C-alpha atoms as a PDB file:
ATOM      1  CA  MET A   1       1.058   3.699 -10.458  1.00  0.00           C
ATOM      2  CA  ALA A   2       4.207   5.006  -8.790  1.00  0.00           C
ATOM      3  CA  ARG A   3       6.213   1.959  -9.797  1.00  0.00           C
ATOM      4  CA  ASP A   4       5.562   2.695 -13.484  1.00  0.00           C
ATOM      5  CA  THR A   5       7.496   5.963 -13.615  1.00  0.00           C
ATOM      6  CA  PRO A   6       9.650   5.878 -16.738  1.00  0.00           C
ATOM      7  CA  ASP A   7      12.921   7.147 -15.245  1.00  0.00           C
ATOM      8  CA  ALA A   8      12.823   5.187 -12.002  1.00  0.00           C
ATOM      9  CA  SER A   9      15.086   2.176 -11.812  1.00  0.00           C
ATOM     10  CA  GLU A  10      12.953   0.616  -9.093  1.00  0.00           C
ATOM     11  CA  PRO A  11       9.629   1.356  -7.421  1.00  0.00           C
ATOM     12  CA  ASP A  12       9.486   4.199  -4.921  1.00  0.00           C
ATOM     13  CA  ALA A  13       8.497   2.670  -1.584  1.00  0.00           C
ATOM     14  CA  GLY A  14       7.457   6.022  -0.137  1.00  0.00           C
ATOM     15  CA  LEU A  15       5.044   6.730  -2.970  1.00  0.00           C
ATOM     16  CA  LEU A  16       3.604   3.233  -2.866  1.00  0.00           C
ATOM     17  CA  THR A  17       3.108   3.452   0.891  1.00  0.00           C
ATOM     18  CA  ALA A  18       1.452   6.864   0.571  1.00  0.00           C
ATOM     19  CA  LEU A  19      -0.883   5.556  -2.129  1.00  0.00           C
ATOM     20  CA  ALA A  20      -1.975   2.586  -0.056  1.00  0.00           C
ATOM     21  CA  ARG A  21      -2.371   4.634   3.136  1.00  0.00           C
ATOM     22  CA  THR A  22      -4.490   7.188   1.284  1.00  0.00           C
ATOM     23  CA  HIS A  23      -7.102   4.517   0.722  1.00  0.00           C
ATOM     24  CA  THR A  24      -7.130   3.613   4.423  1.00  0.00           C
ATOM     25  CA  THR A  25      -8.198   7.123   5.433  1.00  0.00           C
ATOM     26  CA  GLU A  26     -11.652   6.639   3.944  1.00  0.00           C
ATOM     27  CA  ASP A  27     -14.243   4.873   6.102  1.00  0.00           C
ATOM     28  CA  ASP A  28     -15.650   2.769   3.287  1.00  0.00           C
ATOM     29  CA  ASP A  29     -15.432  -0.949   2.504  1.00  0.00           C
ATOM     30  CA  ASP A  30     -14.570  -0.208  -1.129  1.00  0.00           C
ATOM     31  CA  GLN A  31     -11.633   1.888   0.050  1.00  0.00           C
ATOM     32  CA  ASP A  32     -10.505  -0.925   2.349  1.00  0.00           C
ATOM     33  CA  ASP A  33     -10.470  -3.226  -0.673  1.00  0.00           C
ATOM     34  CA  ALA A  34      -8.544  -0.644  -2.680  1.00  0.00           C
ATOM     35  CA  ALA A  35      -6.058  -0.175   0.158  1.00  0.00           C
ATOM     36  CA  GLU A  36      -5.519  -3.912   0.476  1.00  0.00           C
ATOM     37  CA  GLN A  37      -4.948  -4.240  -3.265  1.00  0.00           C
ATOM     38  CA  ALA A  38      -2.532  -1.293  -3.244  1.00  0.00           C
ATOM     39  CA  PHE A  39      -0.559  -2.807  -0.365  1.00  0.00           C
ATOM     40  CA  ARG A  40      -0.476  -6.240  -2.028  1.00  0.00           C
ATOM     41  CA  ASP A  41       0.667  -4.827  -5.370  1.00  0.00           C
ATOM     42  CA  SER A  42       3.292  -2.736  -3.620  1.00  0.00           C
ATOM     43  CA  LEU A  43       4.528  -5.678  -1.558  1.00  0.00           C
ATOM     44  CA  ASP A  44       4.845  -7.718  -4.746  1.00  0.00           C
ATOM     45  CA  ALA A  45       7.304  -5.090  -5.960  1.00  0.00           C
ATOM     46  CA  LEU A  46       9.022  -4.472  -2.600  1.00  0.00           C
ATOM     47  CA  PRO A  47       8.376  -7.460  -0.330  1.00  0.00           C
ATOM     48  CA  ASP A  48      10.893  -6.437   2.359  1.00  0.00           C
ATOM     49  CA  ASP A  49       9.866  -2.802   2.779  1.00  0.00           C
ATOM     50  CA  VAL A  50       9.172  -2.183   6.471  1.00  0.00           C
ATOM     51  CA  ALA A  51       6.774   0.738   5.909  1.00  0.00           C
ATOM     52  CA  LEU A  52       4.652  -1.310   3.501  1.00  0.00           C
ATOM     53  CA  LEU A  53       4.646  -4.326   5.811  1.00  0.00           C
ATOM     54  CA  THR A  54       3.686  -2.147   8.773  1.00  0.00           C
ATOM     55  CA  GLY A  55       0.917  -0.401   6.876  1.00  0.00           C
ATOM     56  CA  TYR A  56      -0.514  -3.671   5.616  1.00  0.00           C
ATOM     57  CA  THR A  57      -0.427  -5.123   9.123  1.00  0.00           C
ATOM     58  CA  GLU A  58      -2.238  -2.055  10.485  1.00  0.00           C
ATOM     59  CA  LEU A  59      -4.883  -2.359   7.753  1.00  0.00           C
ATOM     60  CA  CYS A  60      -5.431  -6.043   8.502  1.00  0.00           C
ATOM     61  CA  THR A  61      -5.669  -5.578  12.258  1.00  0.00           C
ATOM     62  CA  SER A  62      -8.042  -2.608  11.955  1.00  0.00           C
ATOM     63  CA  ASN A  63     -10.371  -4.661   9.760  1.00  0.00           C
ATOM     64  CA  CYS A  64     -10.488  -7.446  12.343  1.00  0.00           C
ATOM     65  CA  GLN A  65     -11.882  -5.225  15.087  1.00  0.00           C
END
């Protein structure tokens, strides 16, 4: 995962957001589960990142419709 890069001092929020959003582009329940897990793992590492919070909110609201 992006946060496991050996020479990075901290996780890369942009890469984590891109990874999670990639899963949301597929119209498949398994991909929704993968996207949710990616967002949750990323938010564990960067709980205050606005892009991650926004993406996770969008995923949750799209699944409720």
